[in-house]
ModelCIF file with pLDDT and N, C-alpha, C, O atoms, coordinates in Angstrom:
data_MODEL
#
_entry.id   MODEL 
#
_entity.id                         1 
_entity.type                       polymer 
_entity.pdbx_number_of_molecules   1 
#
_entity_poly.entity_id                      1 
_entity_poly.type                           'polypeptide(L)' 
_entity_poly.nstd_linkage                   no 
_entity_poly.nstd_monomer                   no 
_entity_poly.pdbx_seq_one_letter_code       GSRKLADAHAARSAAGTFAYLFRWRPAAFGGSLGACHCVELPFVF 
_entity_poly.pdbx_seq_one_letter_code_can   GSRKLADAHAARSAAGTFAYLFRWRPAAFGGSLGACHCVELPFVF 
_entity_poly.pdbx_strand_id                 A 
#
loop_
_entity_poly_seq.entity_id 
_entity_poly_seq.num 
_entity_poly_seq.mon_id 
_entity_poly_seq.hetero 
1 1  GLY n 
1 2  SER n 
1 3  ARG n 
1 4  LYS n 
1 5  LEU n 
1 6  ALA n 
1 7  ASP n 
1 8  ALA n 
1 9  HIS n 
1 10 ALA n 
1 11 ALA n 
1 12 ARG n 
1 13 SER n 
1 14 ALA n 
1 15 ALA n 
1 16 GLY n 
1 17 THR n 
1 18 PHE n 
1 19 ALA n 
1 20 TYR n 
1 21 LEU n 
1 22 PHE n 
1 23 ARG n 
1 24 TRP n 
1 25 ARG n 
1 26 PRO n 
1 27 ALA n 
1 28 ALA n 
1 29 PHE n 
1 30 GLY n 
1 31 GLY n 
1 32 SER n 
1 33 LEU n 
1 34 GLY n 
1 35 ALA n 
1 36 CYS n 
1 37 HIS n 
1 38 CYS n 
1 39 VAL n 
1 40 GLU n 
1 41 LEU n 
1 42 PRO n 
1 43 PHE n 
1 44 VAL n 
1 45 PHE n 
#
_struct_asym.id          A 
_struct_asym.entity_id   1 
#
loop_
_ma_qa_metric.id 
_ma_qa_metric.mode 
_ma_qa_metric.name 
_ma_qa_metric.software_group_id 
_ma_qa_metric.type 
1 global pLDDT . pLDDT 
2 local  pLDDT . pLDDT 
#
_ma_qa_metric_global.metric_id      1 
_ma_qa_metric_global.metric_value   86.09 
_ma_qa_metric_global.model_id       1 
_ma_qa_metric_global.ordinal_id     1 
#
loop_
_ma_qa_metric_local.label_asym_id 
_ma_qa_metric_local.label_comp_id 
_ma_qa_metric_local.label_seq_id 
_ma_qa_metric_local.metric_id 
_ma_qa_metric_local.metric_value 
_ma_qa_metric_local.model_id 
_ma_qa_metric_local.ordinal_id 
A GLY 1  2 87.00 1 1  
A SER 2  2 89.00 1 2  
A ARG 3  2 91.00 1 3  
A LYS 4  2 93.00 1 4  
A LEU 5  2 93.00 1 5  
A ALA 6  2 94.00 1 6  
A ASP 7  2 95.00 1 7  
A ALA 8  2 96.00 1 8  
A HIS 9  2 95.00 1 9  
A ALA 10 2 95.00 1 10 
A ALA 11 2 95.00 1 11 
A ARG 12 2 94.00 1 12 
A SER 13 2 89.00 1 13 
A ALA 14 2 89.00 1 14 
A ALA 15 2 89.00 1 15 
A GLY 16 2 90.00 1 16 
A THR 17 2 92.00 1 17 
A PHE 18 2 90.00 1 18 
A ALA 19 2 87.00 1 19 
A TYR 20 2 84.00 1 20 
A LEU 21 2 84.00 1 21 
A PHE 22 2 86.00 1 22 
A ARG 23 2 84.00 1 23 
A TRP 24 2 84.00 1 24 
A ARG 25 2 81.00 1 25 
A PRO 26 2 81.00 1 26 
A ALA 27 2 78.00 1 27 
A ALA 28 2 75.00 1 28 
A PHE 29 2 74.00 1 29 
A GLY 30 2 76.00 1 30 
A GLY 31 2 75.00 1 31 
A SER 32 2 72.00 1 32 
A LEU 33 2 74.00 1 33 
A GLY 34 2 75.00 1 34 
A ALA 35 2 77.00 1 35 
A CYS 36 2 79.00 1 36 
A HIS 37 2 79.00 1 37 
A CYS 38 2 84.00 1 38 
A VAL 39 2 86.00 1 39 
A GLU 40 2 89.00 1 40 
A LEU 41 2 90.00 1 41 
A PRO 42 2 90.00 1 42 
A PHE 43 2 91.00 1 43 
A VAL 44 2 90.00 1 44 
A PHE 45 2 93.00 1 45 
#
loop_
_atom_site.group_PDB 
_atom_site.id 
_atom_site.type_symbol 
_atom_site.label_atom_id 
_atom_site.label_alt_id 
_atom_site.label_comp_id 
_atom_site.label_asym_id 
_atom_site.label_entity_id 
_atom_site.label_seq_id 
_atom_site.pdbx_PDB_ins_code 
_atom_site.Cartn_x 
_atom_site.Cartn_y 
_atom_site.Cartn_z 
_atom_site.occupancy 
_atom_site.B_iso_or_equiv 
_atom_site.pdbx_formal_charge 
_atom_site.auth_seq_id 
_atom_site.auth_comp_id 
_atom_site.auth_asym_id 
_atom_site.auth_atom_id 
_atom_site.pdbx_PDB_model_num 
ATOM 1   N N  . GLY A 1 1  ? -24.938 -15.428 18.394 1.00 87.00 ? 1  GLY A N  1 
ATOM 2   C CA . GLY A 1 1  ? -26.200 -15.794 17.752 1.00 87.00 ? 1  GLY A CA 1 
ATOM 3   C C  . GLY A 1 1  ? -26.265 -15.312 16.306 1.00 87.00 ? 1  GLY A C  1 
ATOM 4   O O  . GLY A 1 1  ? -26.777 -16.019 15.438 1.00 87.00 ? 1  GLY A O  1 
ATOM 5   N N  . SER A 1 2  ? -25.759 -14.131 16.049 1.00 89.00 ? 2  SER A N  1 
ATOM 6   C CA . SER A 1 2  ? -25.749 -13.611 14.677 1.00 89.00 ? 2  SER A CA 1 
ATOM 7   C C  . SER A 1 2  ? -24.853 -14.456 13.780 1.00 89.00 ? 2  SER A C  1 
ATOM 8   O O  . SER A 1 2  ? -25.203 -14.744 12.636 1.00 89.00 ? 2  SER A O  1 
ATOM 9   N N  . ARG A 1 3  ? -23.704 -14.849 14.301 1.00 91.00 ? 3  ARG A N  1 
ATOM 10  C CA . ARG A 1 3  ? -22.803 -15.708 13.519 1.00 91.00 ? 3  ARG A CA 1 
ATOM 11  C C  . ARG A 1 3  ? -23.462 -17.051 13.222 1.00 91.00 ? 3  ARG A C  1 
ATOM 12  O O  . ARG A 1 3  ? -23.380 -17.541 12.096 1.00 91.00 ? 3  ARG A O  1 
ATOM 13  N N  . LYS A 1 4  ? -24.108 -17.646 14.208 1.00 93.00 ? 4  LYS A N  1 
ATOM 14  C CA . LYS A 1 4  ? -24.773 -18.933 14.003 1.00 93.00 ? 4  LYS A CA 1 
ATOM 15  C C  . LYS A 1 4  ? -25.897 -18.817 12.977 1.00 93.00 ? 4  LYS A C  1 
ATOM 16  O O  . LYS A 1 4  ? -26.067 -19.699 12.136 1.00 93.00 ? 4  LYS A O  1 
ATOM 17  N N  . LEU A 1 5  ? -26.660 -17.735 13.047 1.00 93.00 ? 5  LEU A N  1 
ATOM 18  C CA . LEU A 1 5  ? -27.744 -17.522 12.089 1.00 93.00 ? 5  LEU A CA 1 
ATOM 19  C C  . LEU A 1 5  ? -27.195 -17.365 10.675 1.00 93.00 ? 5  LEU A C  1 
ATOM 20  O O  . LEU A 1 5  ? -27.731 -17.958 9.738  1.00 93.00 ? 5  LEU A O  1 
ATOM 21  N N  . ALA A 1 6  ? -26.146 -16.585 10.510 1.00 94.00 ? 6  ALA A N  1 
ATOM 22  C CA . ALA A 1 6  ? -25.545 -16.404 9.181  1.00 94.00 ? 6  ALA A CA 1 
ATOM 23  C C  . ALA A 1 6  ? -24.996 -17.727 8.649  1.00 94.00 ? 6  ALA A C  1 
ATOM 24  O O  . ALA A 1 6  ? -25.166 -18.039 7.470  1.00 94.00 ? 6  ALA A O  1 
ATOM 25  N N  . ASP A 1 7  ? -24.345 -18.498 9.500  1.00 95.00 ? 7  ASP A N  1 
ATOM 26  C CA . ASP A 1 7  ? -23.823 -19.799 9.079  1.00 95.00 ? 7  ASP A CA 1 
ATOM 27  C C  . ASP A 1 7  ? -24.953 -20.739 8.657  1.00 95.00 ? 7  ASP A C  1 
ATOM 28  O O  . ASP A 1 7  ? -24.840 -21.434 7.647  1.00 95.00 ? 7  ASP A O  1 
ATOM 29  N N  . ALA A 1 8  ? -26.039 -20.761 9.426  1.00 96.00 ? 8  ALA A N  1 
ATOM 30  C CA . ALA A 1 8  ? -27.179 -21.620 9.094  1.00 96.00 ? 8  ALA A CA 1 
ATOM 31  C C  . ALA A 1 8  ? -27.815 -21.184 7.777  1.00 96.00 ? 8  ALA A C  1 
ATOM 32  O O  . ALA A 1 8  ? -28.184 -22.021 6.953  1.00 96.00 ? 8  ALA A O  1 
ATOM 33  N N  . HIS A 1 9  ? -27.941 -19.881 7.584  1.00 95.00 ? 9  HIS A N  1 
ATOM 34  C CA . HIS A 1 9  ? -28.514 -19.382 6.340  1.00 95.00 ? 9  HIS A CA 1 
ATOM 35  C C  . HIS A 1 9  ? -27.632 -19.762 5.160  1.00 95.00 ? 9  HIS A C  1 
ATOM 36  O O  . HIS A 1 9  ? -28.132 -20.216 4.131  1.00 95.00 ? 9  HIS A O  1 
ATOM 37  N N  . ALA A 1 10 ? -26.342 -19.581 5.299  1.00 95.00 ? 10 ALA A N  1 
ATOM 38  C CA . ALA A 1 10 ? -25.406 -19.898 4.215  1.00 95.00 ? 10 ALA A CA 1 
ATOM 39  C C  . ALA A 1 10 ? -25.447 -21.383 3.863  1.00 95.00 ? 10 ALA A C  1 
ATOM 40  O O  . ALA A 1 10 ? -25.313 -21.748 2.695  1.00 95.00 ? 10 ALA A O  1 
ATOM 41  N N  . ALA A 1 11 ? -25.629 -22.229 4.854  1.00 95.00 ? 11 ALA A N  1 
ATOM 42  C CA . ALA A 1 11 ? -25.652 -23.672 4.621  1.00 95.00 ? 11 ALA A CA 1 
ATOM 43  C C  . ALA A 1 11 ? -26.926 -24.138 3.925  1.00 95.00 ? 11 ALA A C  1 
ATOM 44  O O  . ALA A 1 11 ? -26.951 -25.220 3.338  1.00 95.00 ? 11 ALA A O  1 
ATOM 45  N N  . ARG A 1 12 ? -27.981 -23.332 3.984  1.00 94.00 ? 12 ARG A N  1 
ATOM 46  C CA . ARG A 1 12 ? -29.275 -23.764 3.459  1.00 94.00 ? 12 ARG A CA 1 
ATOM 47  C C  . ARG A 1 12 ? -29.804 -22.906 2.317  1.00 94.00 ? 12 ARG A C  1 
ATOM 48  O O  . ARG A 1 12 ? -30.929 -23.107 1.861  1.00 94.00 ? 12 ARG A O  1 
ATOM 49  N N  . SER A 1 13 ? -29.017 -21.971 1.861  1.00 89.00 ? 13 SER A N  1 
ATOM 50  C CA . SER A 1 13 ? -29.516 -21.037 0.863  1.00 89.00 ? 13 SER A CA 1 
ATOM 51  C C  . SER A 1 13 ? -28.564 -20.968 -0.329 1.00 89.00 ? 13 SER A C  1 
ATOM 52  O O  . SER A 1 13 ? -27.344 -20.927 -0.169 1.00 89.00 ? 13 SER A O  1 
ATOM 53  N N  . ALA A 1 14 ? -29.151 -20.955 -1.525 1.00 89.00 ? 14 ALA A N  1 
ATOM 54  C CA . ALA A 1 14 ? -28.340 -20.766 -2.729 1.00 89.00 ? 14 ALA A CA 1 
ATOM 55  C C  . ALA A 1 14 ? -28.029 -19.281 -2.930 1.00 89.00 ? 14 ALA A C  1 
ATOM 56  O O  . ALA A 1 14 ? -27.105 -18.922 -3.660 1.00 89.00 ? 14 ALA A O  1 
ATOM 57  N N  . ALA A 1 15 ? -28.799 -18.440 -2.283 1.00 89.00 ? 15 ALA A N  1 
ATOM 58  C CA . ALA A 1 15 ? -28.563 -16.994 -2.369 1.00 89.00 ? 15 ALA A CA 1 
ATOM 59  C C  . ALA A 1 15 ? -27.381 -16.631 -1.472 1.00 89.00 ? 15 ALA A C  1 
ATOM 60  O O  . ALA A 1 15 ? -26.990 -17.417 -0.609 1.00 89.00 ? 15 ALA A O  1 
ATOM 61  N N  . GLY A 1 16 ? -26.833 -15.484 -1.667 1.00 90.00 ? 16 GLY A N  1 
ATOM 62  C CA . GLY A 1 16 ? -25.707 -15.049 -0.838 1.00 90.00 ? 16 GLY A CA 1 
ATOM 63  C C  . GLY A 1 16 ? -26.120 -14.757 0.591  1.00 90.00 ? 16 GLY A C  1 
ATOM 64  O O  . GLY A 1 16 ? -27.263 -14.388 0.861  1.00 90.00 ? 16 GLY A O  1 
ATOM 65  N N  . THR A 1 17 ? -25.190 -14.924 1.484  1.00 92.00 ? 17 THR A N  1 
ATOM 66  C CA . THR A 1 17 ? -25.365 -14.569 2.893  1.00 92.00 ? 17 THR A CA 1 
ATOM 67  C C  . THR A 1 17 ? -24.326 -13.511 3.209  1.00 92.00 ? 17 THR A C  1 
ATOM 68  O O  . THR A 1 17 ? -23.138 -13.702 2.953  1.00 92.00 ? 17 THR A O  1 
ATOM 69  N N  . PHE A 1 18 ? -24.770 -12.406 3.759  1.00 90.00 ? 18 PHE A N  1 
ATOM 70  C CA . PHE A 1 18 ? -23.868 -11.291 4.019  1.00 90.00 ? 18 PHE A CA 1 
ATOM 71  C C  . PHE A 1 18 ? -23.875 -10.937 5.499  1.00 90.00 ? 18 PHE A C  1 
ATOM 72  O O  . PHE A 1 18 ? -24.914 -10.968 6.158  1.00 90.00 ? 18 PHE A O  1 
ATOM 73  N N  . ALA A 1 19 ? -22.716 -10.608 5.998  1.00 87.00 ? 19 ALA A N  1 
ATOM 74  C CA . ALA A 1 19 ? -22.559 -10.143 7.371  1.00 87.00 ? 19 ALA A CA 1 
ATOM 75  C C  . ALA A 1 19 ? -21.446 -9.103  7.357  1.00 87.00 ? 19 ALA A C  1 
ATOM 76  O O  . ALA A 1 19 ? -20.664 -9.038  6.408  1.00 87.00 ? 19 ALA A O  1 
ATOM 77  N N  . TYR A 1 20 ? -21.377 -8.314  8.380  1.00 84.00 ? 20 TYR A N  1 
ATOM 78  C CA . TYR A 1 20 ? -20.301 -7.331  8.462  1.00 84.00 ? 20 TYR A CA 1 
ATOM 79  C C  . TYR A 1 20 ? -19.814 -7.216  9.892  1.00 84.00 ? 20 TYR A C  1 
ATOM 80  O O  . TYR A 1 20 ? -20.536 -7.495  10.849 1.00 84.00 ? 20 TYR A O  1 
ATOM 81  N N  . LEU A 1 21 ? -18.570 -6.798  10.001 1.00 84.00 ? 21 LEU A N  1 
ATOM 82  C CA . LEU A 1 21 ? -17.963 -6.513  11.294 1.00 84.00 ? 21 LEU A CA 1 
ATOM 83  C C  . LEU A 1 21 ? -17.598 -5.044  11.271 1.00 84.00 ? 21 LEU A C  1 
ATOM 84  O O  . LEU A 1 21 ? -16.769 -4.615  10.468 1.00 84.00 ? 21 LEU A O  1 
ATOM 85  N N  . PHE A 1 22 ? -18.210 -4.281  12.141 1.00 86.00 ? 22 PHE A N  1 
ATOM 86  C CA . PHE A 1 22 ? -18.050 -2.829  12.148 1.00 86.00 ? 22 PHE A CA 1 
ATOM 87  C C  . PHE A 1 22 ? -17.155 -2.433  13.306 1.00 86.00 ? 22 PHE A C  1 
ATOM 88  O O  . PHE A 1 22 ? -17.482 -2.697  14.463 1.00 86.00 ? 22 PHE A O  1 
ATOM 89  N N  . ARG A 1 23 ? -16.033 -1.804  13.008 1.00 84.00 ? 23 ARG A N  1 
ATOM 90  C CA . ARG A 1 23 ? -15.075 -1.460  14.061 1.00 84.00 ? 23 ARG A CA 1 
ATOM 91  C C  . ARG A 1 23 ? -14.750 0.030   14.133 1.00 84.00 ? 23 ARG A C  1 
ATOM 92  O O  . ARG A 1 23 ? -13.815 0.420   14.832 1.00 84.00 ? 23 ARG A O  1 
ATOM 93  N N  . TRP A 1 24 ? -15.499 0.859   13.428 1.00 84.00 ? 24 TRP A N  1 
ATOM 94  C CA . TRP A 1 24 ? -15.240 2.298   13.465 1.00 84.00 ? 24 TRP A CA 1 
ATOM 95  C C  . TRP A 1 24 ? -15.467 2.814   14.880 1.00 84.00 ? 24 TRP A C  1 
ATOM 96  O O  . TRP A 1 24 ? -16.448 2.451   15.529 1.00 84.00 ? 24 TRP A O  1 
ATOM 97  N N  . ARG A 1 25 ? -14.570 3.651   15.351 1.00 81.00 ? 25 ARG A N  1 
ATOM 98  C CA . ARG A 1 25 ? -14.625 4.168   16.717 1.00 81.00 ? 25 ARG A CA 1 
ATOM 99  C C  . ARG A 1 25 ? -14.994 5.651   16.671 1.00 81.00 ? 25 ARG A C  1 
ATOM 100 O O  . ARG A 1 25 ? -14.176 6.471   16.255 1.00 81.00 ? 25 ARG A O  1 
ATOM 101 N N  . PRO A 1 26 ? -16.215 6.013   17.092 1.00 81.00 ? 26 PRO A N  1 
ATOM 102 C CA . PRO A 1 26 ? -16.594 7.427   17.082 1.00 81.00 ? 26 PRO A CA 1 
ATOM 103 C C  . PRO A 1 26 ? -15.779 8.233   18.104 1.00 81.00 ? 26 PRO A C  1 
ATOM 104 O O  . PRO A 1 26 ? -15.272 7.686   19.083 1.00 81.00 ? 26 PRO A O  1 
ATOM 105 N N  . ALA A 1 27 ? -15.667 9.511   17.861 1.00 78.00 ? 27 ALA A N  1 
ATOM 106 C CA . ALA A 1 27 ? -14.892 10.392  18.745 1.00 78.00 ? 27 ALA A CA 1 
ATOM 107 C C  . ALA A 1 27 ? -15.632 10.727  20.047 1.00 78.00 ? 27 ALA A C  1 
ATOM 108 O O  . ALA A 1 27 ? -15.007 11.186  21.003 1.00 78.00 ? 27 ALA A O  1 
ATOM 109 N N  . ALA A 1 28 ? -16.938 10.509  20.100 1.00 75.00 ? 28 ALA A N  1 
ATOM 110 C CA . ALA A 1 28 ? -17.717 10.825  21.301 1.00 75.00 ? 28 ALA A CA 1 
ATOM 111 C C  . ALA A 1 28 ? -17.129 10.135  22.516 1.00 75.00 ? 28 ALA A C  1 
ATOM 112 O O  . ALA A 1 28 ? -16.649 9.005   22.427 1.00 75.00 ? 28 ALA A O  1 
ATOM 113 N N  . PHE A 1 29 ? -17.166 10.803  23.628 1.00 74.00 ? 29 PHE A N  1 
ATOM 114 C CA . PHE A 1 29 ? -16.659 10.290  24.902 1.00 74.00 ? 29 PHE A CA 1 
ATOM 115 C C  . PHE A 1 29 ? -15.195 9.862   24.788 1.00 74.00 ? 29 PHE A C  1 
ATOM 116 O O  . PHE A 1 29 ? -14.773 8.880   25.398 1.00 74.00 ? 29 PHE A O  1 
ATOM 117 N N  . GLY A 1 30 ? -14.445 10.604  24.011 1.00 76.00 ? 30 GLY A N  1 
ATOM 118 C CA . GLY A 1 30 ? -13.019 10.326  23.859 1.00 76.00 ? 30 GLY A CA 1 
ATOM 119 C C  . GLY A 1 30 ? -12.724 9.005   23.172 1.00 76.00 ? 30 GLY A C  1 
ATOM 120 O O  . GLY A 1 30 ? -11.636 8.454   23.335 1.00 76.00 ? 30 GLY A O  1 
ATOM 121 N N  . GLY A 1 31 ? -13.682 8.487   22.403 1.00 75.00 ? 31 GLY A N  1 
ATOM 122 C CA . GLY A 1 31 ? -13.491 7.217   21.710 1.00 75.00 ? 31 GLY A CA 1 
ATOM 123 C C  . GLY A 1 31 ? -13.645 6.001   22.594 1.00 75.00 ? 31 GLY A C  1 
ATOM 124 O O  . GLY A 1 31 ? -13.376 4.883   22.156 1.00 75.00 ? 31 GLY A O  1 
ATOM 125 N N  . SER A 1 32 ? -14.073 6.194   23.832 1.00 72.00 ? 32 SER A N  1 
ATOM 126 C CA . SER A 1 32 ? -14.122 5.087   24.784 1.00 72.00 ? 32 SER A CA 1 
ATOM 127 C C  . SER A 1 32 ? -15.237 4.077   24.497 1.00 72.00 ? 32 SER A C  1 
ATOM 128 O O  . SER A 1 32 ? -15.170 2.944   24.973 1.00 72.00 ? 32 SER A O  1 
ATOM 129 N N  . LEU A 1 33 ? -16.261 4.466   23.729 1.00 74.00 ? 33 LEU A N  1 
ATOM 130 C CA . LEU A 1 33 ? -17.361 3.544   23.457 1.00 74.00 ? 33 LEU A CA 1 
ATOM 131 C C  . LEU A 1 33 ? -17.009 2.512   22.406 1.00 74.00 ? 33 LEU A C  1 
ATOM 132 O O  . LEU A 1 33 ? -17.572 1.417   22.408 1.00 74.00 ? 33 LEU A O  1 
ATOM 133 N N  . GLY A 1 34 ? -16.101 2.832   21.518 1.00 75.00 ? 34 GLY A N  1 
ATOM 134 C CA . GLY A 1 34 ? -15.815 1.915   20.424 1.00 75.00 ? 34 GLY A CA 1 
ATOM 135 C C  . GLY A 1 34 ? -17.012 1.801   19.499 1.00 75.00 ? 34 GLY A C  1 
ATOM 136 O O  . GLY A 1 34 ? -17.869 2.684   19.464 1.00 75.00 ? 34 GLY A O  1 
ATOM 137 N N  . ALA A 1 35 ? -17.065 0.732   18.766 1.00 77.00 ? 35 ALA A N  1 
ATOM 138 C CA . ALA A 1 35 ? -18.154 0.512   17.814 1.00 77.00 ? 35 ALA A CA 1 
ATOM 139 C C  . ALA A 1 35 ? -19.335 -0.102  18.558 1.00 77.00 ? 35 ALA A C  1 
ATOM 140 O O  . ALA A 1 35 ? -19.645 -1.281  18.385 1.00 77.00 ? 35 ALA A O  1 
ATOM 141 N N  . CYS A 1 36 ? -19.980 0.696   19.374 1.00 79.00 ? 36 CYS A N  1 
ATOM 142 C CA . CYS A 1 36 ? -21.054 0.200   20.229 1.00 79.00 ? 36 CYS A CA 1 
ATOM 143 C C  . CYS A 1 36 ? -22.362 0.020   19.454 1.00 79.00 ? 36 CYS A C  1 
ATOM 144 O O  . CYS A 1 36 ? -22.462 0.364   18.277 1.00 79.00 ? 36 CYS A O  1 
ATOM 145 N N  . HIS A 1 37 ? -23.339 -0.519  20.139 1.00 79.00 ? 37 HIS A N  1 
ATOM 146 C CA . HIS A 1 37 ? -24.635 -0.879  19.567 1.00 79.00 ? 37 HIS A CA 1 
ATOM 147 C C  . HIS A 1 37 ? -25.242 0.254   18.746 1.00 79.00 ? 37 HIS A C  1 
ATOM 148 O O  . HIS A 1 37 ? -25.396 1.372   19.238 1.00 79.00 ? 37 HIS A O  1 
ATOM 149 N N  . CYS A 1 38 ? -25.581 -0.036  17.511 1.00 84.00 ? 38 CYS A N  1 
ATOM 150 C CA . CYS A 1 38 ? -26.284 0.844   16.565 1.00 84.00 ? 38 CYS A CA 1 
ATOM 151 C C  . CYS A 1 38 ? -25.441 1.982   15.989 1.00 84.00 ? 38 CYS A C  1 
ATOM 152 O O  . CYS A 1 38 ? -25.954 2.754   15.180 1.00 84.00 ? 38 CYS A O  1 
ATOM 153 N N  . VAL A 1 39 ? -24.193 2.116   16.365 1.00 86.00 ? 39 VAL A N  1 
ATOM 154 C CA . VAL A 1 39 ? -23.400 3.227   15.844 1.00 86.00 ? 39 VAL A CA 1 
ATOM 155 C C  . VAL A 1 39 ? -23.142 3.063   14.345 1.00 86.00 ? 39 VAL A C  1 
ATOM 156 O O  . VAL A 1 39 ? -22.796 4.032   13.671 1.00 86.00 ? 39 VAL A O  1 
ATOM 157 N N  . GLU A 1 40 ? -23.304 1.858   13.823 1.00 89.00 ? 40 GLU A N  1 
ATOM 158 C CA . GLU A 1 40 ? -23.082 1.627   12.395 1.00 89.00 ? 40 GLU A CA 1 
ATOM 159 C C  . GLU A 1 40 ? -24.268 2.032   11.524 1.00 89.00 ? 40 GLU A C  1 
ATOM 160 O O  . GLU A 1 40 ? -24.120 2.124   10.305 1.00 89.00 ? 40 GLU A O  1 
ATOM 161 N N  . LEU A 1 41 ? -25.421 2.273   12.102 1.00 90.00 ? 41 LEU A N  1 
ATOM 162 C CA . LEU A 1 41 ? -26.628 2.519   11.307 1.00 90.00 ? 41 LEU A CA 1 
ATOM 163 C C  . LEU A 1 41 ? -26.523 3.703   10.349 1.00 90.00 ? 41 LEU A C  1 
ATOM 164 O O  . LEU A 1 41 ? -27.009 3.584   9.224  1.00 90.00 ? 41 LEU A O  1 
ATOM 165 N N  . PRO A 1 42 ? -25.923 4.836   10.716 1.00 90.00 ? 42 PRO A N  1 
ATOM 166 C CA . PRO A 1 42 ? -25.780 5.907   9.723  1.00 90.00 ? 42 PRO A CA 1 
ATOM 167 C C  . PRO A 1 42 ? -24.938 5.475   8.515  1.00 90.00 ? 42 PRO A C  1 
ATOM 168 O O  . PRO A 1 42 ? -25.145 5.977   7.410  1.00 90.00 ? 42 PRO A O  1 
ATOM 169 N N  . PHE A 1 43 ? -24.014 4.572   8.712  1.00 91.00 ? 43 PHE A N  1 
ATOM 170 C CA . PHE A 1 43 ? -23.201 4.070   7.603  1.00 91.00 ? 43 PHE A CA 1 
ATOM 171 C C  . PHE A 1 43 ? -24.009 3.101   6.749  1.00 91.00 ? 43 PHE A C  1 
ATOM 172 O O  . PHE A 1 43 ? -23.928 3.145   5.521  1.00 91.00 ? 43 PHE A O  1 
ATOM 173 N N  . VAL A 1 44 ? -24.783 2.231   7.379  1.00 90.00 ? 44 VAL A N  1 
ATOM 174 C CA . VAL A 1 44 ? -25.600 1.255   6.663  1.00 90.00 ? 44 VAL A CA 1 
ATOM 175 C C  . VAL A 1 44 ? -26.630 1.965   5.781  1.00 90.00 ? 44 VAL A C  1 
ATOM 176 O O  . VAL A 1 44 ? -26.874 1.545   4.650  1.00 90.00 ? 44 VAL A O  1 
ATOM 177 N N  . PHE A 1 45 ? -27.226 3.028   6.292  1.00 93.00 ? 45 PHE A N  1 
ATOM 178 C CA . PHE A 1 45 ? -28.286 3.730   5.570  1.00 93.00 ? 45 PHE A CA 1 
ATOM 179 C C  . PHE A 1 45 ? -27.801 5.005   4.887  1.00 93.00 ? 45 PHE A C  1 
ATOM 180 O O  . PHE A 1 45 ? -28.588 5.697   4.242  1.00 93.00 ? 45 PHE A O  1 
#
């Protein structure tokens, strides 16, 4: 859904459309969670 929304925005907007793919793997739980939901927020902010 996020990809579709970004594509639709890019097709209809003269302004830039930005998206990111976050793959950083935290050490918590032996790294087993991977880049799970919201783990990127400290980096974004």
